Protein backbone atom coordinates (compact mmCIF):
# COMPACT_ATOMS: atom_id res chain seq x y z
CA MET A 1 -62.05 17.06 -25.67
CA THR A 2 -64.20 17.15 -22.62
CA GLN A 3 -66.69 19.35 -23.07
CA ILE A 4 -67.25 21.67 -19.10
CA GLU A 5 -70.39 22.80 -17.94
CA ARG A 6 -70.51 26.13 -15.89
CA MET A 7 -72.51 25.31 -12.83
CA THR A 8 -72.95 27.61 -9.43
CA VAL A 9 -73.41 25.63 -6.18
CA ALA A 10 -74.42 27.48 -2.94
CA LEU A 11 -72.39 26.00 -0.05
CA PRO A 12 -72.32 26.65 4.08
CA VAL A 13 -69.94 28.71 5.11
CA GLU A 14 -67.86 25.58 6.63
CA MET A 15 -67.97 23.99 3.54
CA ALA A 16 -66.98 27.03 1.65
CA THR A 17 -63.97 27.39 4.10
CA ASP A 18 -62.93 23.70 3.86
CA ILE A 19 -62.34 24.44 -0.01
CA ARG A 20 -60.77 27.23 0.10
CA GLU A 21 -57.96 25.75 2.60
CA ALA A 22 -57.70 22.80 0.43
CA VAL A 23 -57.34 24.89 -2.70
CA GLU A 24 -54.35 27.68 -0.39
CA SER A 25 -52.40 24.64 1.17
CA GLY A 26 -51.92 23.44 -2.13
CA ASP A 27 -53.76 20.11 -2.18
CA TYR A 28 -55.92 21.15 -4.84
CA ALA A 29 -55.26 23.20 -7.64
CA SER A 30 -58.68 24.90 -7.44
CA SER A 31 -62.05 24.87 -5.90
CA SER A 32 -63.05 23.15 -9.20
CA GLU A 33 -60.50 20.64 -8.75
CA VAL A 34 -62.24 19.58 -4.92
CA PHE A 35 -65.47 19.65 -6.88
CA ARG A 36 -64.53 17.22 -9.40
CA ASP A 37 -62.76 14.82 -6.83
CA ALA A 38 -65.81 15.09 -4.56
CA ILE A 39 -67.87 13.88 -7.73
CA ARG A 40 -65.79 11.44 -8.51
CA ASP A 41 -65.77 9.97 -4.51
CA TRP A 42 -69.94 10.09 -4.82
CA ARG A 43 -70.34 8.74 -8.13
CA HIS A 44 -67.95 5.63 -6.77
CA LYS A 45 -70.23 5.25 -3.53
CA ARG A 46 -73.73 6.04 -5.72
CA HIS A 47 -71.93 2.44 -7.85
CA LEU A 48 -71.04 0.53 -4.97
CA GLN A 49 -74.89 0.97 -2.86
CA ARG A 50 -76.52 -0.07 -6.74
CA GLN A 51 -74.53 -2.68 -6.70
CA GLU A 52 -75.41 -3.79 -3.26
CA VAL A 53 -79.02 -3.16 -3.67
CA ALA A 54 -78.95 -5.04 -6.45
CA TYR A 55 -77.14 -8.04 -4.74
CA ILE A 56 -80.17 -7.20 -1.98
CA MET A 57 -82.59 -7.95 -4.27
CA LEU A 58 -80.85 -10.96 -5.89
CA GLY A 59 -81.10 -12.65 -2.33
CA VAL A 60 -84.77 -11.50 -2.05
CA GLN A 61 -85.86 -12.87 -5.21
CA GLN A 62 -84.12 -16.69 -4.57
CA GLY A 63 -86.20 -16.59 -1.15
CA ILE A 64 -89.34 -16.02 -2.60
CA ALA A 65 -88.21 -18.40 -5.30
CA ASP A 66 -87.30 -21.05 -2.52
CA LEU A 67 -90.40 -20.00 -0.93
CA LYS A 68 -92.16 -20.93 -3.64
CA ALA A 69 -90.74 -24.13 -4.45
CA GLY A 70 -92.01 -25.12 -0.57
CA ARG A 71 -87.69 -25.05 0.16
CA ILE A 72 -88.83 -23.79 4.01
CA LYS A 73 -87.65 -24.31 7.32
CA PRO A 74 -89.89 -23.69 10.46
CA ALA A 75 -88.02 -20.49 11.65
CA GLU A 76 -87.84 -22.56 15.51
CA GLU A 77 -85.81 -25.02 13.45
CA VAL A 78 -83.50 -22.37 12.20
CA LEU A 79 -83.33 -20.36 15.56
CA THR A 80 -82.78 -23.89 17.47
CA ARG A 81 -80.06 -24.69 15.01
CA LEU A 82 -78.42 -21.38 15.25
CA GLU A 83 -78.74 -21.82 18.83
CA LYS A 84 -76.66 -24.72 19.41
CA LYS A 85 -73.91 -23.42 16.61
CA TYR A 86 -73.03 -20.66 18.91
CA GLN A 87 -73.46 -21.96 22.20
CA ALA A 88 -70.88 -24.41 20.55
CA MET A 89 -68.52 -21.74 19.98
CA LEU A 90 -67.94 -20.31 23.35
């Protein structure tokens, strides 16, 4: 069986009203369910953010490795190539 820990949360009046209305309308059986649902969403969002940071860090590490290995091009060359590419798209 899942262990339960009771917590007390202070909320702005507007949020507390929204939660009560969600329960009263039948969207949720209790305010605890509202919080559990919100925390599941928060945990999912947090997981996605961590994945995104890891992906960005990988790109940074690859860029540093390319720099150290001399696999670089002058910025002017890259910008000129991009400008030509996007002009051709127009």
